[in-house]
């Protein structure tokens, strides 16, 4: 997933607790902090990842394209 973020792609994870691209340790960490779904938007400067903006949900959910676009913006 981080390779996609480093490339400037936003990610929308519907259910972090069962997302196969996350490791069990990552899923456990999300479970601990009560995050079930999230959108991550990379903050890029001169083509390099310098930070990330994340929006979280306590419940699994399908993020709309408008919501992902808003986080990216």
PDB file of N, CA and C in Angstrom:
ATOM      1  N   UNK A   1       0.815  -1.209   0.000  1.00  0.00           N
ATOM      2  CA  UNK A   1       0.000   0.000   0.000  1.00  0.00           C
ATOM      3  C   UNK A   1       0.854   1.267   0.000  1.00  0.00           C
ATOM      4  N   UNK A   2       1.939   1.251   0.773  1.00  0.00           N
ATOM      5  CA  UNK A   2       2.763   2.461   0.869  1.00  0.00           C
ATOM      6  C   UNK A   2       3.389   2.823  -0.465  1.00  0.00           C
ATOM      7  N   UNK A   3       3.679   1.853  -1.310  1.00  0.00           N
ATOM      8  CA  UNK A   3       4.237   2.155  -2.631  1.00  0.00           C
ATOM      9  C   UNK A   3       3.239   2.981  -3.443  1.00  0.00           C
ATOM     10  N   UNK A   4       1.971   2.656  -3.317  1.00  0.00           N
ATOM     11  CA  UNK A   4       0.933   3.411  -4.032  1.00  0.00           C
ATOM     12  C   UNK A   4       0.828   4.830  -3.491  1.00  0.00           C
ATOM     13  N   UNK A   5       0.912   4.986  -2.160  1.00  0.00           N
ATOM     14  CA  UNK A   5       0.851   6.322  -1.555  1.00  0.00           C
ATOM     15  C   UNK A   5       2.073   7.138  -1.973  1.00  0.00           C
ATOM     16  N   UNK A   6       3.255   6.525  -1.945  1.00  0.00           N
ATOM     17  CA  UNK A   6       4.485   7.224  -2.360  1.00  0.00           C
ATOM     18  C   UNK A   6       4.407   7.672  -3.815  1.00  0.00           C
ATOM     19  N   UNK A   7       3.632   6.953  -4.611  1.00  0.00           N
ATOM     20  CA  UNK A   7       3.450   7.306  -6.024  1.00  0.00           C
ATOM     21  C   UNK A   7       2.398   8.398  -6.198  1.00  0.00           C
ATOM     22  N   UNK A   8       1.785   8.849  -5.094  1.00  0.00           N
ATOM     23  CA  UNK A   8       0.810   9.930  -5.165  1.00  0.00           C
ATOM     24  C   UNK A   8      -0.635   9.493  -5.236  1.00  0.00           C
ATOM     25  N   UNK A   9      -0.895   8.225  -5.027  1.00  0.00           N
ATOM     26  CA  UNK A   9      -2.253   7.693  -5.114  1.00  0.00           C
ATOM     27  C   UNK A   9      -2.952   7.733  -3.756  1.00  0.00           C
ATOM     28  N   UNK A  10      -4.198   8.171  -3.751  1.00  0.00           N
ATOM     29  CA  UNK A  10      -5.009   8.125  -2.528  1.00  0.00           C
ATOM     30  C   UNK A  10      -5.541   6.706  -2.360  1.00  0.00           C
ATOM     31  N   UNK A  11      -5.679   6.276  -1.118  1.00  0.00           N
ATOM     32  CA  UNK A  11      -6.204   4.948  -0.821  1.00  0.00           C
ATOM     33  C   UNK A  11      -7.496   5.055  -0.042  1.00  0.00           C
ATOM     34  N   UNK A  12      -8.439   4.217  -0.364  1.00  0.00           N
ATOM     35  CA  UNK A  12      -9.687   4.133   0.397  1.00  0.00           C
ATOM     36  C   UNK A  12      -9.830   2.688   0.861  1.00  0.00           C
ATOM     37  N   UNK A  13      -9.694   2.476   2.154  1.00  0.00           N
ATOM     38  CA  UNK A  13      -9.796   1.136   2.731  1.00  0.00           C
ATOM     39  C   UNK A  13     -11.177   0.987   3.359  1.00  0.00           C
ATOM     40  N   UNK A  14     -11.933   0.028   2.881  1.00  0.00           N
ATOM     41  CA  UNK A  14     -13.315  -0.189   3.299  1.00  0.00           C
ATOM     42  C   UNK A  14     -13.400  -0.869   4.664  1.00  0.00           C
ATOM     43  N   UNK A  15     -12.540  -1.862   4.895  1.00  0.00           N
ATOM     44  CA  UNK A  15     -12.563  -2.604   6.157  1.00  0.00           C
ATOM     45  C   UNK A  15     -11.135  -2.989   6.531  1.00  0.00           C
ATOM     46  N   UNK A  16     -10.493  -2.144   7.315  1.00  0.00           N
ATOM     47  CA  UNK A  16      -9.096  -2.356   7.698  1.00  0.00           C
ATOM     48  C   UNK A  16      -8.916  -3.630   8.510  1.00  0.00           C
ATOM     49  N   UNK A  17      -9.961  -4.090   9.164  1.00  0.00           N
ATOM     50  CA  UNK A  17      -9.843  -5.256  10.022  1.00  0.00           C
ATOM     51  C   UNK A  17      -9.788  -6.565   9.233  1.00  0.00           C
ATOM     52  N   UNK A  18     -10.159  -6.508   7.954  1.00  0.00           N
ATOM     53  CA  UNK A  18     -10.071  -7.711   7.121  1.00  0.00           C
ATOM     54  C   UNK A  18      -9.348  -7.444   5.795  1.00  0.00           C
ATOM     55  N   UNK A  19      -8.766  -6.264   5.638  1.00  0.00           N
ATOM     56  CA  UNK A  19      -8.069  -5.900   4.399  1.00  0.00           C
ATOM     57  C   UNK A  19      -6.863  -6.811   4.181  1.00  0.00           C
ATOM     58  N   UNK A  20      -6.858  -7.599   3.092  1.00  0.00           N
ATOM     59  CA  UNK A  20      -5.778  -8.565   2.881  1.00  0.00           C
ATOM     60  C   UNK A  20      -4.410  -7.927   2.603  1.00  0.00           C
ATOM     61  N   UNK A  21      -4.385  -6.688   2.151  1.00  0.00           N
ATOM     62  CA  UNK A  21      -3.099  -6.053   1.864  1.00  0.00           C
ATOM     63  C   UNK A  21      -2.407  -5.519   3.119  1.00  0.00           C
ATOM     64  N   UNK A  22      -3.112  -5.541   4.255  1.00  0.00           N
ATOM     65  CA  UNK A  22      -2.511  -5.142   5.526  1.00  0.00           C
ATOM     66  C   UNK A  22      -1.990  -6.380   6.252  1.00  0.00           C
ATOM     67  N   UNK A  23      -0.923  -6.199   7.008  1.00  0.00           N
ATOM     68  CA  UNK A  23      -0.407  -7.312   7.806  1.00  0.00           C
ATOM     69  C   UNK A  23      -1.299  -7.502   9.033  1.00  0.00           C
ATOM     70  N   UNK A  24      -1.160  -8.639   9.677  1.00  0.00           N
ATOM     71  CA  UNK A  24      -1.932  -8.873  10.901  1.00  0.00           C
ATOM     72  C   UNK A  24      -1.570  -7.839  11.960  1.00  0.00           C
ATOM     73  N   UNK A  25      -0.298  -7.447  12.033  1.00  0.00           N
ATOM     74  CA  UNK A  25       0.129  -6.421  13.000  1.00  0.00           C
ATOM     75  C   UNK A  25      -0.546  -5.081  12.698  1.00  0.00           C
ATOM     76  N   UNK A  26      -0.655  -4.731  11.426  1.00  0.00           N
ATOM     77  CA  UNK A  26      -1.334  -3.479  11.062  1.00  0.00           C
ATOM     78  C   UNK A  26      -2.819  -3.551  11.411  1.00  0.00           C
ATOM     79  N   UNK A  27      -3.450  -4.684  11.099  1.00  0.00           N
ATOM     80  CA  UNK A  27      -4.877  -4.843  11.444  1.00  0.00           C
ATOM     81  C   UNK A  27      -5.071  -4.759  12.959  1.00  0.00           C
ATOM     82  N   UNK A  28      -4.176  -5.358  13.730  1.00  0.00           N
ATOM     83  CA  UNK A  28      -4.268  -5.307  15.194  1.00  0.00           C
ATOM     84  C   UNK A  28      -4.113  -3.874  15.692  1.00  0.00           C
ATOM     85  N   UNK A  29      -3.214  -3.114  15.077  1.00  0.00           N
ATOM     86  CA  UNK A  29      -3.015  -1.716  15.477  1.00  0.00           C
ATOM     87  C   UNK A  29      -4.271  -0.895  15.206  1.00  0.00           C
ATOM     88  N   UNK A  30      -4.892  -1.097  14.047  1.00  0.00           N
ATOM     89  CA  UNK A  30      -6.134  -0.380  13.752  1.00  0.00           C
ATOM     90  C   UNK A  30      -7.239  -0.776  14.727  1.00  0.00           C
ATOM     91  N   UNK A  31      -7.297  -2.059  15.057  1.00  0.00           N
ATOM     92  CA  UNK A  31      -8.289  -2.543  16.021  1.00  0.00           C
ATOM     93  C   UNK A  31      -8.092  -1.854  17.374  1.00  0.00           C
ATOM     94  N   UNK A  32      -6.843  -1.721  17.808  1.00  0.00           N
ATOM     95  CA  UNK A  32      -6.521  -1.091  19.099  1.00  0.00           C
ATOM     96  C   UNK A  32      -6.985   0.354  19.182  1.00  0.00           C
ATOM     97  N   UNK A  33      -6.876   1.081  18.073  1.00  0.00           N
ATOM     98  CA  UNK A  33      -7.252   2.499  18.095  1.00  0.00           C
ATOM     99  C   UNK A  33      -8.648   2.740  17.506  1.00  0.00           C
ATOM    100  N   UNK A  34      -9.401   1.652  17.350  1.00  0.00           N
ATOM    101  CA  UNK A  34     -10.805   1.719  16.953  1.00  0.00           C
ATOM    102  C   UNK A  34     -11.013   2.354  15.575  1.00  0.00           C
ATOM    103  N   UNK A  35     -10.177   1.949  14.615  1.00  0.00           N
ATOM    104  CA  UNK A  35     -10.326   2.404  13.230  1.00  0.00           C
ATOM    105  C   UNK A  35     -10.672   1.196  12.375  1.00  0.00           C
ATOM    106  N   UNK A  36     -11.800   1.281  11.684  1.00  0.00           N
ATOM    107  CA  UNK A  36     -12.222   0.173  10.836  1.00  0.00           C
ATOM    108  C   UNK A  36     -12.100   0.493   9.352  1.00  0.00           C
ATOM    109  N   UNK A  37     -12.093   1.771   8.991  1.00  0.00           N
ATOM    110  CA  UNK A  37     -11.984   2.161   7.591  1.00  0.00           C
ATOM    111  C   UNK A  37     -11.251   3.502   7.530  1.00  0.00           C
ATOM    112  N   UNK A  38     -10.582   3.746   6.405  1.00  0.00           N
ATOM    113  CA  UNK A  38      -9.870   5.021   6.290  1.00  0.00           C
ATOM    114  C   UNK A  38      -9.592   5.392   4.841  1.00  0.00           C
ATOM    115  N   UNK A  39      -9.379   6.672   4.647  1.00  0.00           N
ATOM    116  CA  UNK A  39      -8.893   7.216   3.381  1.00  0.00           C
ATOM    117  C   UNK A  39      -7.562   7.883   3.688  1.00  0.00           C
ATOM    118  N   UNK A  40      -6.570   7.592   2.883  1.00  0.00           N
ATOM    119  CA  UNK A  40      -5.252   8.221   3.018  1.00  0.00           C
ATOM    120  C   UNK A  40      -4.953   8.981   1.749  1.00  0.00           C
ATOM    121  N   UNK A  41      -4.625  10.260   1.889  1.00  0.00           N
ATOM    122  CA  UNK A  41      -4.238  11.081   0.743  1.00  0.00           C
ATOM    123  C   UNK A  41      -2.799  11.531   0.945  1.00  0.00           C
ATOM    124  N   UNK A  42      -1.935  11.256  -0.037  1.00  0.00           N
ATOM    125  CA  UNK A  42      -0.545  11.654   0.100  1.00  0.00           C
ATOM    126  C   UNK A  42      -0.387  13.163  -0.059  1.00  0.00           C
ATOM    127  N   UNK A  43       0.539  13.718   0.683  1.00  0.00           N
ATOM    128  CA  UNK A  43       0.911  15.122   0.539  1.00  0.00           C
ATOM    129  C   UNK A  43       2.275  15.115  -0.142  1.00  0.00           C
ATOM    130  N   UNK A  44       2.301  15.579  -1.382  1.00  0.00           N
ATOM    131  CA  UNK A  44       3.502  15.493  -2.198  1.00  0.00           C
ATOM    132  C   UNK A  44       4.132  16.881  -2.367  1.00  0.00           C
ATOM    133  N   UNK A  45       5.469  16.893  -2.407  1.00  0.00           N
ATOM    134  CA  UNK A  45       6.212  18.124  -2.686  1.00  0.00           C
ATOM    135  C   UNK A  45       7.363  17.753  -3.612  1.00  0.00           C
ATOM    136  N   UNK A  46       7.376  18.380  -4.769  1.00  0.00           N
ATOM    137  CA  UNK A  46       8.413  18.113  -5.766  1.00  0.00           C
ATOM    138  C   UNK A  46       8.531  16.622  -6.069  1.00  0.00           C
ATOM    139  N   UNK A  47       7.367  15.953  -6.153  1.00  0.00           N
ATOM    140  CA  UNK A  47       7.325  14.545  -6.495  1.00  0.00           C
ATOM    141  C   UNK A  47       7.671  13.587  -5.375  1.00  0.00           C
ATOM    142  N   UNK A  48       7.855  14.095  -4.162  1.00  0.00           N
ATOM    143  CA  UNK A  48       8.202  13.247  -3.018  1.00  0.00           C
ATOM    144  C   UNK A  48       7.099  13.283  -1.974  1.00  0.00           C
ATOM    145  N   UNK A  49       6.879  12.160  -1.329  1.00  0.00           N
ATOM    146  CA  UNK A  49       5.904  12.070  -0.248  1.00  0.00           C
ATOM    147  C   UNK A  49       6.482  12.762   0.985  1.00  0.00           C
ATOM    148  N   UNK A  50       5.770  13.785   1.481  1.00  0.00           N
ATOM    149  CA  UNK A  50       6.239  14.500   2.667  1.00  0.00           C
ATOM    150  C   UNK A  50       5.279  14.343   3.847  1.00  0.00           C
ATOM    151  N   UNK A  51       4.118  13.782   3.599  1.00  0.00           N
ATOM    152  CA  UNK A  51       3.143  13.574   4.665  1.00  0.00           C
ATOM    153  C   UNK A  51       1.903  12.904   4.106  1.00  0.00           C
ATOM    154  N   UNK A  52       0.966  12.634   4.993  1.00  0.00           N
ATOM    155  CA  UNK A  52      -0.293  12.014   4.583  1.00  0.00           C
ATOM    156  C   UNK A  52      -1.433  12.614   5.394  1.00  0.00           C
ATOM    157  N   UNK A  53      -2.563  12.780   4.750  1.00  0.00           N
ATOM    158  CA  UNK A  53      -3.780  13.194   5.426  1.00  0.00           C
ATOM    159  C   UNK A  53      -4.673  11.964   5.493  1.00  0.00           C
ATOM    160  N   UNK A  54      -5.159  11.645   6.683  1.00  0.00           N
ATOM    161  CA  UNK A  54      -5.996  10.461   6.874  1.00  0.00           C
ATOM    162  C   UNK A  54      -7.339  10.845   7.474  1.00  0.00           C
ATOM    163  N   UNK A  55      -8.368  10.206   6.969  1.00  0.00           N
ATOM    164  CA  UNK A  55      -9.715  10.337   7.521  1.00  0.00           C
ATOM    165  C   UNK A  55     -10.129   8.936   7.940  1.00  0.00           C
ATOM    166  N   UNK A  56     -10.600   8.804   9.165  1.00  0.00           N
ATOM    167  CA  UNK A  56     -10.909   7.490   9.727  1.00  0.00           C
ATOM    168  C   UNK A  56     -12.391   7.336  10.033  1.00  0.00           C
ATOM    169  N   UNK A  57     -12.820   6.084  10.076  1.00  0.00           N
ATOM    170  CA  UNK A  57     -14.173   5.730  10.487  1.00  0.00           C
ATOM    171  C   UNK A  57     -14.082   4.578  11.479  1.00  0.00           C
ATOM    172  N   UNK A  58     -14.915   4.607  12.497  1.00  0.00           N
ATOM    173  CA  UNK A  58     -14.937   3.523  13.491  1.00  0.00           C
ATOM    174  C   UNK A  58     -15.646   2.282  12.967  1.00  0.00           C
ATOM    175  N   UNK A  59     -16.371   2.442  11.874  1.00  0.00           N
ATOM    176  CA  UNK A  59     -17.075   1.308  11.290  1.00  0.00           C
ATOM    177  C   UNK A  59     -16.621   1.124   9.846  1.00  0.00           C
ATOM    178  N   UNK A  60     -16.690  -0.094   9.364  1.00  0.00           N
ATOM    179  CA  UNK A  60     -16.367  -0.366   7.964  1.00  0.00           C
ATOM    180  C   UNK A  60     -17.353   0.412   7.093  1.00  0.00           C
ATOM    181  N   UNK A  61     -16.849   0.935   5.982  1.00  0.00           N
ATOM    182  CA  UNK A  61     -17.724   1.694   5.091  1.00  0.00           C
ATOM    183  C   UNK A  61     -17.106   1.804   3.714  1.00  0.00           C
ATOM    184  N   UNK A  62     -17.952   1.949   2.737  1.00  0.00           N
ATOM    185  CA  UNK A  62     -17.506   2.189   1.369  1.00  0.00           C
ATOM    186  C   UNK A  62     -17.419   3.695   1.189  1.00  0.00           C
ATOM    187  N   UNK A  63     -16.235   4.176   0.835  1.00  0.00           N
ATOM    188  CA  UNK A  63     -16.027   5.608   0.628  1.00  0.00           C
ATOM    189  C   UNK A  63     -16.459   5.972  -0.789  1.00  0.00           C
ATOM    190  N   UNK A  64     -17.212   7.057  -0.919  1.00  0.00           N
ATOM    191  CA  UNK A  64     -17.628   7.500  -2.248  1.00  0.00           C
ATOM    192  C   UNK A  64     -16.454   8.183  -2.951  1.00  0.00           C
ATOM    193  N   UNK A  65     -16.535   8.271  -4.250  1.00  0.00           N
ATOM    194  CA  UNK A  65     -15.480   8.973  -4.997  1.00  0.00           C
ATOM    195  C   UNK A  65     -15.434  10.440  -4.601  1.00  0.00           C
ATOM    196  N   UNK A  66     -16.583  11.029  -4.264  1.00  0.00           N
ATOM    197  CA  UNK A  66     -16.612  12.423  -3.818  1.00  0.00           C
ATOM    198  C   UNK A  66     -15.885  12.587  -2.477  1.00  0.00           C
ATOM    199  N   UNK A  67     -16.047  11.629  -1.567  1.00  0.00           N
ATOM    200  CA  UNK A  67     -15.351  11.703  -0.275  1.00  0.00           C
ATOM    201  C   UNK A  67     -13.846  11.585  -0.451  1.00  0.00           C
ATOM    202  N   UNK A  68     -13.421  10.656  -1.300  1.00  0.00           N
ATOM    203  CA  UNK A  68     -11.988  10.483  -1.562  1.00  0.00           C
ATOM    204  C   UNK A  68     -11.433  11.753  -2.206  1.00  0.00           C
ATOM    205  N   UNK A  69     -12.160  12.323  -3.150  1.00  0.00           N
ATOM    206  CA  UNK A  69     -11.726  13.554  -3.818  1.00  0.00           C
ATOM    207  C   UNK A  69     -11.611  14.702  -2.818  1.00  0.00           C
ATOM    208  N   UNK A  70     -12.536  14.789  -1.884  1.00  0.00           N
ATOM    209  CA  UNK A  70     -12.500  15.837  -0.872  1.00  0.00           C
ATOM    210  C   UNK A  70     -11.260  15.707   0.021  1.00  0.00           C
ATOM    211  N   UNK A  71     -10.931  14.486   0.420  1.00  0.00           N
ATOM    212  CA  UNK A  71      -9.736  14.267   1.241  1.00  0.00           C
ATOM    213  C   UNK A  71      -8.491  14.631   0.433  1.00  0.00           C
ATOM    214  N   UNK A  72      -8.463  14.251  -0.823  1.00  0.00           N
ATOM    215  CA  UNK A  72      -7.317  14.584  -1.683  1.00  0.00           C
ATOM    216  C   UNK A  72      -7.144  16.083  -1.832  1.00  0.00           C
ATOM    217  N   UNK A  73      -8.255  16.777  -1.970  1.00  0.00           N
ATOM    218  CA  UNK A  73      -8.209  18.218  -2.194  1.00  0.00           C
ATOM    219  C   UNK A  73      -7.662  18.935  -0.990  1.00  0.00           C
TER     220      UNK A  73
END
